[in-house]
PDB file of N, CA and C in Angstrom:
ATOM      1  N   MET A   1      32.094 103.814 102.621  1.00  0.00           N
ATOM      2  CA  MET A   1      32.746 104.584 101.582  1.00  0.00           C
ATOM      3  C   MET A   1      33.353 103.610 100.579  1.00  0.00           C
ATOM      4  N   HIS A   2      33.117 103.839  99.334  1.00  0.00           N
ATOM      5  CA  HIS A   2      33.760 103.015  98.309  1.00  0.00           C
ATOM      6  C   HIS A   2      35.238 103.388  98.228  1.00  0.00           C
ATOM      7  N   ALA A   3      36.093 102.403  98.173  1.00  0.00           N
ATOM      8  CA  ALA A   3      37.530 102.627  98.063  1.00  0.00           C
ATOM      9  C   ALA A   3      38.076 101.920  96.827  1.00  0.00           C
ATOM     10  N   GLY A   4      37.227 101.630  95.872  1.00  0.00           N
ATOM     11  CA  GLY A   4      37.615 100.933  94.650  1.00  0.00           C
ATOM     12  C   GLY A   4      36.432 100.148  94.132  1.00  0.00           C
ATOM     13  N   THR A   5      36.639  99.396  93.089  1.00  0.00           N
ATOM     14  CA  THR A   5      35.529  98.672  92.480  1.00  0.00           C
ATOM     15  C   THR A   5      34.980  97.564  93.360  1.00  0.00           C
ATOM     16  N   ARG A   6      35.800  96.925  94.168  1.00  0.00           N
ATOM     17  CA  ARG A   6      35.329  95.837  95.028  1.00  0.00           C
ATOM     18  C   ARG A   6      35.850  95.997  96.448  1.00  0.00           C
ATOM     19  N   GLN A   7      36.097  97.217  96.863  1.00  0.00           N
ATOM     20  CA  GLN A   7      36.613  97.469  98.198  1.00  0.00           C
ATOM     21  C   GLN A   7      35.710  98.462  98.911  1.00  0.00           C
ATOM     22  N   VAL A   8      35.686  98.373 100.214  1.00  0.00           N
ATOM     23  CA  VAL A   8      34.902  99.291 101.032  1.00  0.00           C
ATOM     24  C   VAL A   8      35.781  99.762 102.179  1.00  0.00           C
ATOM     25  N   LEU A   9      35.769 101.032 102.445  1.00  0.00           N
ATOM     26  CA  LEU A   9      36.463 101.593 103.596  1.00  0.00           C
ATOM     27  C   LEU A   9      35.392 101.941 104.623  1.00  0.00           C
ATOM     28  N   LEU A  10      35.452 101.308 105.778  1.00  0.00           N
ATOM     29  CA  LEU A  10      34.475 101.566 106.839  1.00  0.00           C
ATOM     30  C   LEU A  10      35.139 102.370 107.947  1.00  0.00           C
ATOM     31  N   LEU A  11      34.477 103.411 108.377  1.00  0.00           N
ATOM     32  CA  LEU A  11      34.940 104.224 109.494  1.00  0.00           C
ATOM     33  C   LEU A  11      33.909 104.122 110.598  1.00  0.00           C
ATOM     34  N   PHE A  12      34.371 103.887 111.812  1.00  0.00           N
ATOM     35  CA  PHE A  12      33.464 103.734 112.942  1.00  0.00           C
ATOM     36  C   PHE A  12      33.680 104.849 113.945  1.00  0.00           C
ATOM     37  N   LYS A  13      32.598 105.469 114.356  1.00  0.00           N
ATOM     38  CA  LYS A  13      32.657 106.467 115.409  1.00  0.00           C
ATOM     39  C   LYS A  13      32.881 105.740 116.727  1.00  0.00           C
ATOM     40  N   LYS A  14      33.807 106.232 117.499  1.00  0.00           N
ATOM     41  CA  LYS A  14      34.173 105.590 118.760  1.00  0.00           C
ATOM     42  C   LYS A  14      32.943 105.346 119.626  1.00  0.00           C
ATOM     43  N   ARG A  15      32.754 104.100 120.047  1.00  0.00           N
ATOM     44  CA  ARG A  15      31.663 103.621 120.899  1.00  0.00           C
ATOM     45  C   ARG A  15      30.284 103.761 120.262  1.00  0.00           C
ATOM     46  N   ALA A  16      30.184 103.964 118.959  1.00  0.00           N
ATOM     47  CA  ALA A  16      28.892 104.171 118.315  1.00  0.00           C
ATOM     48  C   ALA A  16      28.122 102.881 118.086  1.00  0.00           C
ATOM     49  N   SER A  17      28.781 101.735 118.070  1.00  0.00           N
ATOM     50  CA  SER A  17      28.077 100.482 117.779  1.00  0.00           C
ATOM     51  C   SER A  17      27.814  99.663 119.027  1.00  0.00           C
ATOM     52  N   ARG A  18      27.958 100.216 120.176  1.00  0.00           N
ATOM     53  CA  ARG A  18      27.702  99.489 121.431  1.00  0.00           C
ATOM     54  C   ARG A  18      26.273  98.960 121.493  1.00  0.00           C
ATOM     55  N   ALA A  19      25.336  99.648 120.860  1.00  0.00           N
ATOM     56  CA  ALA A  19      23.930  99.255 120.928  1.00  0.00           C
ATOM     57  C   ALA A  19      23.681  97.873 120.331  1.00  0.00           C
ATOM     58  N   ILE A  20      24.547  97.423 119.402  1.00  0.00           N
ATOM     59  CA  ILE A  20      24.359  96.107 118.801  1.00  0.00           C
ATOM     60  C   ILE A  20      25.282  95.061 119.411  1.00  0.00           C
ATOM     61  N   GLN A  21      25.916  95.401 120.518  1.00  0.00           N
ATOM     62  CA  GLN A  21      26.787  94.462 121.240  1.00  0.00           C
ATOM     63  C   GLN A  21      27.815  93.832 120.307  1.00  0.00           C
ATOM     64  N   SER A  22      28.611  94.658 119.672  1.00  0.00           N
ATOM     65  CA  SER A  22      29.598  94.189 118.719  1.00  0.00           C
ATOM     66  C   SER A  22      30.991  94.619 119.140  1.00  0.00           C
ATOM     67  N   PRO A  23      32.006  93.820 118.806  1.00  0.00           N
ATOM     68  CA  PRO A  23      33.370  94.241 119.112  1.00  0.00           C
ATOM     69  C   PRO A  23      33.856  95.348 118.174  1.00  0.00           C
ATOM     70  N   ARG A  24      33.057  95.757 117.203  1.00  0.00           N
ATOM     71  CA  ARG A  24      33.444  96.786 116.242  1.00  0.00           C
ATOM     72  C   ARG A  24      33.047  98.160 116.762  1.00  0.00           C
ATOM     73  N   ASP A  25      33.630  98.624 117.832  1.00  0.00           N
ATOM     74  CA  ASP A  25      33.173  99.885 118.410  1.00  0.00           C
ATOM     75  C   ASP A  25      34.082 101.064 118.087  1.00  0.00           C
ATOM     76  N   GLY A  26      35.086 100.880 117.235  1.00  0.00           N
ATOM     77  CA  GLY A  26      35.971 101.974 116.869  1.00  0.00           C
ATOM     78  C   GLY A  26      36.889 102.412 117.989  1.00  0.00           C
ATOM     79  N   ASN A  27      37.022 101.620 119.030  1.00  0.00           N
ATOM     80  CA  ASN A  27      37.834 101.959 120.176  1.00  0.00           C
ATOM     81  C   ASN A  27      39.000 100.991 120.280  1.00  0.00           C
ATOM     82  N   GLY A  28      40.169 101.494 120.648  1.00  0.00           N
ATOM     83  CA  GLY A  28      41.304 100.609 120.885  1.00  0.00           C
ATOM     84  C   GLY A  28      42.037 100.213 119.614  1.00  0.00           C
ATOM     85  N   GLU A  29      42.378  98.953 119.526  1.00  0.00           N
ATOM     86  CA  GLU A  29      43.191  98.467 118.427  1.00  0.00           C
ATOM     87  C   GLU A  29      42.444  98.541 117.098  1.00  0.00           C
ATOM     88  N   LEU A  30      43.172  98.372 116.036  1.00  0.00           N
ATOM     89  CA  LEU A  30      42.667  98.436 114.681  1.00  0.00           C
ATOM     90  C   LEU A  30      41.652  97.344 114.377  1.00  0.00           C
ATOM     91  N   HIS A  31      40.662  97.675 113.568  1.00  0.00           N
ATOM     92  CA  HIS A  31      39.703  96.701 113.048  1.00  0.00           C
ATOM     93  C   HIS A  31      39.830  96.733 111.533  1.00  0.00           C
ATOM     94  N   ILE A  32      40.025  95.565 110.938  1.00  0.00           N
ATOM     95  CA  ILE A  32      40.124  95.475 109.488  1.00  0.00           C
ATOM     96  C   ILE A  32      39.322  94.265 109.024  1.00  0.00           C
ATOM     97  N   ALA A  33      38.676  94.395 107.886  1.00  0.00           N
ATOM     98  CA  ALA A  33      37.842  93.312 107.363  1.00  0.00           C
ATOM     99  C   ALA A  33      38.360  92.865 106.002  1.00  0.00           C
ATOM    100  N   PHE A  34      38.244  91.564 105.764  1.00  0.00           N
ATOM    101  CA  PHE A  34      38.596  90.976 104.481  1.00  0.00           C
ATOM    102  C   PHE A  34      37.376  90.257 103.931  1.00  0.00           C
ATOM    103  N   ALA A  35      37.101  90.479 102.660  1.00  0.00           N
ATOM    104  CA  ALA A  35      35.984  89.815 101.993  1.00  0.00           C
ATOM    105  C   ALA A  35      36.396  88.398 101.624  1.00  0.00           C
ATOM    106  N   ILE A  36      35.512  87.444 101.923  1.00  0.00           N
ATOM    107  CA  ILE A  36      35.747  86.052 101.547  1.00  0.00           C
ATOM    108  C   ILE A  36      34.473  85.497 100.917  1.00  0.00           C
ATOM    109  N   PRO A  37      34.586  84.476 100.058  1.00  0.00           N
ATOM    110  CA  PRO A  37      33.382  83.835  99.525  1.00  0.00           C
ATOM    111  C   PRO A  37      32.635  83.102 100.639  1.00  0.00           C
ATOM    112  N   SER A  38      31.329  83.058 100.549  1.00  0.00           N
ATOM    113  CA  SER A  38      30.511  82.370 101.561  1.00  0.00           C
ATOM    114  C   SER A  38      30.956  80.929 101.766  1.00  0.00           C
ATOM    115  N   ALA A  39      31.322  80.264 100.687  1.00  0.00           N
ATOM    116  CA  ALA A  39      31.714  78.854 100.759  1.00  0.00           C
ATOM    117  C   ALA A  39      33.003  78.651 101.556  1.00  0.00           C
ATOM    118  N   GLU A  40      33.764  79.696 101.799  1.00  0.00           N
ATOM    119  CA  GLU A  40      35.037  79.585 102.519  1.00  0.00           C
ATOM    120  C   GLU A  40      34.909  79.805 104.026  1.00  0.00           C
ATOM    121  N   LEU A  41      33.757  80.229 104.500  1.00  0.00           N
ATOM    122  CA  LEU A  41      33.602  80.548 105.919  1.00  0.00           C
ATOM    123  C   LEU A  41      33.940  79.359 106.814  1.00  0.00           C
ATOM    124  N   GLY A  42      33.412  78.187 106.499  1.00  0.00           N
ATOM    125  CA  GLY A  42      33.697  76.989 107.291  1.00  0.00           C
ATOM    126  C   GLY A  42      35.169  76.608 107.270  1.00  0.00           C
ATOM    127  N   ASN A  43      35.817  76.781 106.125  1.00  0.00           N
ATOM    128  CA  ASN A  43      37.252  76.493 106.031  1.00  0.00           C
ATOM    129  C   ASN A  43      38.057  77.419 106.936  1.00  0.00           C
ATOM    130  N   TRP A  44      37.669  78.689 106.966  1.00  0.00           N
ATOM    131  CA  TRP A  44      38.354  79.630 107.845  1.00  0.00           C
ATOM    132  C   TRP A  44      38.135  79.294 109.315  1.00  0.00           C
ATOM    133  N   GLU A  45      36.919  78.911 109.674  1.00  0.00           N
ATOM    134  CA  GLU A  45      36.654  78.521 111.070  1.00  0.00           C
ATOM    135  C   GLU A  45      37.531  77.333 111.464  1.00  0.00           C
ATOM    136  N   SER A  46      37.645  76.366 110.593  1.00  0.00           N
ATOM    137  CA  SER A  46      38.500  75.195 110.862  1.00  0.00           C
ATOM    138  C   SER A  46      39.959  75.599 110.971  1.00  0.00           C
ATOM    139  N   TRP A  47      40.403  76.446 110.057  1.00  0.00           N
ATOM    140  CA  TRP A  47      41.794  76.899 110.056  1.00  0.00           C
ATOM    141  C   TRP A  47      42.131  77.597 111.368  1.00  0.00           C
ATOM    142  N   LEU A  48      41.250  78.488 111.820  1.00  0.00           N
ATOM    143  CA  LEU A  48      41.472  79.193 113.084  1.00  0.00           C
ATOM    144  C   LEU A  48      41.491  78.225 114.260  1.00  0.00           C
ATOM    145  N   GLN A  49      40.543  77.289 114.275  1.00  0.00           N
ATOM    146  CA  GLN A  49      40.454  76.326 115.378  1.00  0.00           C
ATOM    147  C   GLN A  49      41.706  75.465 115.470  1.00  0.00           C
ATOM    148  N   THR A  50      42.208  74.970 114.350  1.00  0.00           N
ATOM    149  CA  THR A  50      43.389  74.101 114.384  1.00  0.00           C
ATOM    150  C   THR A  50      44.633  74.842 114.848  1.00  0.00           C
ATOM    151  N   ARG A  51      44.615  76.162 114.774  1.00  0.00           N
ATOM    152  CA  ARG A  51      45.753  76.966 115.218  1.00  0.00           C
ATOM    153  C   ARG A  51      45.527  77.577 116.597  1.00  0.00           C
ATOM    154  N   GLY A  52      44.430  77.214 117.233  1.00  0.00           N
ATOM    155  CA  GLY A  52      44.158  77.702 118.585  1.00  0.00           C
ATOM    156  C   GLY A  52      43.792  79.175 118.644  1.00  0.00           C
ATOM    157  N   ILE A  53      43.265  79.696 117.553  1.00  0.00           N
ATOM    158  CA  ILE A  53      42.866  81.103 117.515  1.00  0.00           C
ATOM    159  C   ILE A  53      41.375  81.186 117.832  1.00  0.00           C
ATOM    160  N   ALA A  54      41.068  81.883 118.908  1.00  0.00           N
ATOM    161  CA  ALA A  54      39.679  81.978 119.358  1.00  0.00           C
ATOM    162  C   ALA A  54      38.863  82.910 118.465  1.00  0.00           C
ATOM    163  N   VAL A  55      37.665  82.488 118.144  1.00  0.00           N
ATOM    164  CA  VAL A  55      36.724  83.338 117.421  1.00  0.00           C
ATOM    165  C   VAL A  55      36.034  84.222 118.465  1.00  0.00           C
ATOM    166  N   GLU A  56      36.163  85.526 118.299  1.00  0.00           N
ATOM    167  CA  GLU A  56      35.550  86.481 119.226  1.00  0.00           C
ATOM    168  C   GLU A  56      34.040  86.530 119.034  1.00  0.00           C
ATOM    169  N   GLU A  57      33.616  86.452 117.783  1.00  0.00           N
ATOM    170  CA  GLU A  57      32.187  86.506 117.478  1.00  0.00           C
ATOM    171  C   GLU A  57      31.959  85.990 116.064  1.00  0.00           C
ATOM    172  N   LYS A  58      30.825  85.326 115.875  1.00  0.00           N
ATOM    173  CA  LYS A  58      30.341  84.954 114.552  1.00  0.00           C
ATOM    174  C   LYS A  58      28.940  85.542 114.459  1.00  0.00           C
ATOM    175  N   ARG A  59      28.736  86.425 113.471  1.00  0.00           N
ATOM    176  CA  ARG A  59      27.487  87.170 113.390  1.00  0.00           C
ATOM    177  C   ARG A  59      26.822  86.966 112.032  1.00  0.00           C
ATOM    178  N   ALA A  60      25.521  86.675 112.078  1.00  0.00           N
ATOM    179  CA  ALA A  60      24.707  86.616 110.867  1.00  0.00           C
ATOM    180  C   ALA A  60      24.074  87.992 110.673  1.00  0.00           C
ATOM    181  N   TRP A  61      24.126  88.510 109.460  1.00  0.00           N
ATOM    182  CA  TRP A  61      23.560  89.809 109.148  1.00  0.00           C
ATOM    183  C   TRP A  61      22.216  89.647 108.444  1.00  0.00           C
ATOM    184  N   GLU A  62      21.348  90.622 108.616  1.00  0.00           N
ATOM    185  CA  GLU A  62      19.999  90.580 108.055  1.00  0.00           C
ATOM    186  C   GLU A  62      19.991  90.379 106.544  1.00  0.00           C
ATOM    187  N   SER A  63      21.003  90.892 105.869  1.00  0.00           N
ATOM    188  CA  SER A  63      21.053  90.790 104.406  1.00  0.00           C
ATOM    189  C   SER A  63      21.631  89.453 103.926  1.00  0.00           C
ATOM    190  N   GLY A  64      21.901  88.534 104.870  1.00  0.00           N
ATOM    191  CA  GLY A  64      22.336  87.192 104.501  1.00  0.00           C
ATOM    192  C   GLY A  64      23.809  86.908 104.661  1.00  0.00           C
ATOM    193  N   GLY A  65      24.603  87.908 104.932  1.00  0.00           N
ATOM    194  CA  GLY A  65      26.042  87.705 105.090  1.00  0.00           C
ATOM    195  C   GLY A  65      26.422  87.269 106.489  1.00  0.00           C
ATOM    196  N   TRP A  66      27.668  86.846 106.609  1.00  0.00           N
ATOM    197  CA  TRP A  66      28.227  86.435 107.896  1.00  0.00           C
ATOM    198  C   TRP A  66      29.535  87.176 108.127  1.00  0.00           C
ATOM    199  N   SER A  67      29.816  87.493 109.378  1.00  0.00           N
ATOM    200  CA  SER A  67      31.104  88.042 109.785  1.00  0.00           C
ATOM    201  C   SER A  67      31.688  87.141 110.859  1.00  0.00           C
ATOM    202  N   LEU A  68      32.962  86.877 110.719  1.00  0.00           N
ATOM    203  CA  LEU A  68      33.709  86.077 111.689  1.00  0.00           C
ATOM    204  C   LEU A  68      34.819  86.977 112.215  1.00  0.00           C
ATOM    205  N   TYR A  69      34.880  87.166 113.538  1.00  0.00           N
ATOM    206  CA  TYR A  69      35.846  88.076 114.154  1.00  0.00           C
ATOM    207  C   TYR A  69      36.843  87.297 115.006  1.00  0.00           C
ATOM    208  N   PHE A  70      38.113  87.686 114.897  1.00  0.00           N
ATOM    209  CA  PHE A  70      39.159  87.132 115.755  1.00  0.00           C
ATOM    210  C   PHE A  70      40.253  88.171 115.921  1.00  0.00           C
ATOM    211  N   LEU A  71      41.135  87.959 116.897  1.00  0.00           N
ATOM    212  CA  LEU A  71      42.212  88.901 117.176  1.00  0.00           C
ATOM    213  C   LEU A  71      43.532  88.379 116.637  1.00  0.00           C
ATOM    214  N   ASP A  72      44.337  89.292 116.096  1.00  0.00           N
ATOM    215  CA  ASP A  72      45.682  88.911 115.683  1.00  0.00           C
ATOM    216  C   ASP A  72      46.602  89.021 116.908  1.00  0.00           C
ATOM    217  N   PRO A  73      47.879  88.643 116.793  1.00  0.00           N
ATOM    218  CA  PRO A  73      48.763  88.679 117.971  1.00  0.00           C
ATOM    219  C   PRO A  73      48.913  90.058 118.608  1.00  0.00           C
ATOM    220  N   ASP A  74      48.675  91.131 117.841  1.00  0.00           N
ATOM    221  CA  ASP A  74      48.759  92.480 118.382  1.00  0.00           C
ATOM    222  C   ASP A  74      47.407  92.999 118.877  1.00  0.00           C
ATOM    223  N   ARG A  75      46.427  92.111 118.952  1.00  0.00           N
ATOM    224  CA  ARG A  75      45.080  92.405 119.433  1.00  0.00           C
ATOM    225  C   ARG A  75      44.281  93.287 118.483  1.00  0.00           C
ATOM    226  N   HIS A  76      44.638  93.290 117.204  1.00  0.00           N
ATOM    227  CA  HIS A  76      43.817  93.958 116.202  1.00  0.00           C
ATOM    228  C   HIS A  76      42.658  93.031 115.866  1.00  0.00           C
ATOM    229  N   LEU A  77      41.476  93.599 115.721  1.00  0.00           N
ATOM    230  CA  LEU A  77      40.298  92.807 115.416  1.00  0.00           C
ATOM    231  C   LEU A  77      40.228  92.564 113.909  1.00  0.00           C
ATOM    232  N   ILE A  78      40.261  91.305 113.514  1.00  0.00           N
ATOM    233  CA  ILE A  78      40.187  90.909 112.117  1.00  0.00           C
ATOM    234  C   ILE A  78      38.788  90.370 111.858  1.00  0.00           C
ATOM    235  N   GLU A  79      38.188  90.833 110.781  1.00  0.00           N
ATOM    236  CA  GLU A  79      36.863  90.372 110.380  1.00  0.00           C
ATOM    237  C   GLU A  79      36.960  89.707 109.017  1.00  0.00           C
ATOM    238  N   LEU A  80      36.373  88.545 108.892  1.00  0.00           N
ATOM    239  CA  LEU A  80      36.195  87.882 107.605  1.00  0.00           C
ATOM    240  C   LEU A  80      34.727  88.020 107.272  1.00  0.00           C
ATOM    241  N   ALA A  81      34.411  88.633 106.141  1.00  0.00           N
ATOM    242  CA  ALA A  81      33.039  88.966 105.807  1.00  0.00           C
ATOM    243  C   ALA A  81      32.632  88.323 104.476  1.00  0.00           C
ATOM    244  N   THR A  82      31.461  87.694 104.480  1.00  0.00           N
ATOM    245  CA  THR A  82      30.930  87.072 103.268  1.00  0.00           C
ATOM    246  C   THR A  82      29.979  88.035 102.555  1.00  0.00           C
ATOM    247  N   PRO A  83      29.662  87.777 101.280  1.00  0.00           N
ATOM    248  CA  PRO A  83      28.683  88.624 100.597  1.00  0.00           C
ATOM    249  C   PRO A  83      27.376  88.697 101.381  1.00  0.00           C
ATOM    250  N   GLY A  84      26.774  89.873 101.360  1.00  0.00           N
ATOM    251  CA  GLY A  84      25.547  90.095 102.114  1.00  0.00           C
ATOM    252  C   GLY A  84      25.796  90.742 103.460  1.00  0.00           C
ATOM    253  N   THR A  85      27.059  91.064 103.739  1.00  0.00           N
ATOM    254  CA  THR A  85      27.406  91.720 105.002  1.00  0.00           C
ATOM    255  C   THR A  85      27.072  93.201 104.948  1.00  0.00           C
ATOM    256  N   TRP A  86      27.410  93.851 103.850  1.00  0.00           N
ATOM    257  CA  TRP A  86      27.154  95.281 103.664  1.00  0.00           C
ATOM    258  C   TRP A  86      26.305  95.457 102.421  1.00  0.00           C
ATOM    259  N   SER A  87      25.703  96.600 102.276  1.00  0.00           N
ATOM    260  CA  SER A  87      24.849  96.864 101.108  1.00  0.00           C
ATOM    261  C   SER A  87      25.641  96.858  99.806  1.00  0.00           C
ATOM    262  N   VAL A  88      26.946  97.115  99.889  1.00  0.00           N
ATOM    263  CA  VAL A  88      27.781  97.124  98.683  1.00  0.00           C
ATOM    264  C   VAL A  88      28.537  95.817  98.485  1.00  0.00           C
ATOM    265  N   TYR A  89      28.335  94.857  99.399  1.00  0.00           N
ATOM    266  CA  TYR A  89      29.032  93.569  99.290  1.00  0.00           C
ATOM    267  C   TYR A  89      28.127  92.470  99.784  1.00  0.00           C
TER     268      TYR A  89
END
């Protein structure tokens, strides 16, 4: 769903994405994604590593984008997404 000129609101049906073995199953704690430039992905990985924050998953998407998933202190799933992750981004 478009939520503005450069924003996307994604809604997940509970347990609907289990078939792709992803932590984004709409169950449990909140999942939120932030758009980042592709060139920043490595910087974010380094930033997380130096702070001892485990990456839950790093996924390459068919359209060329990447998603990097990690948990915040409240166990909310945070996604950093590069262009090519969704059809609108």
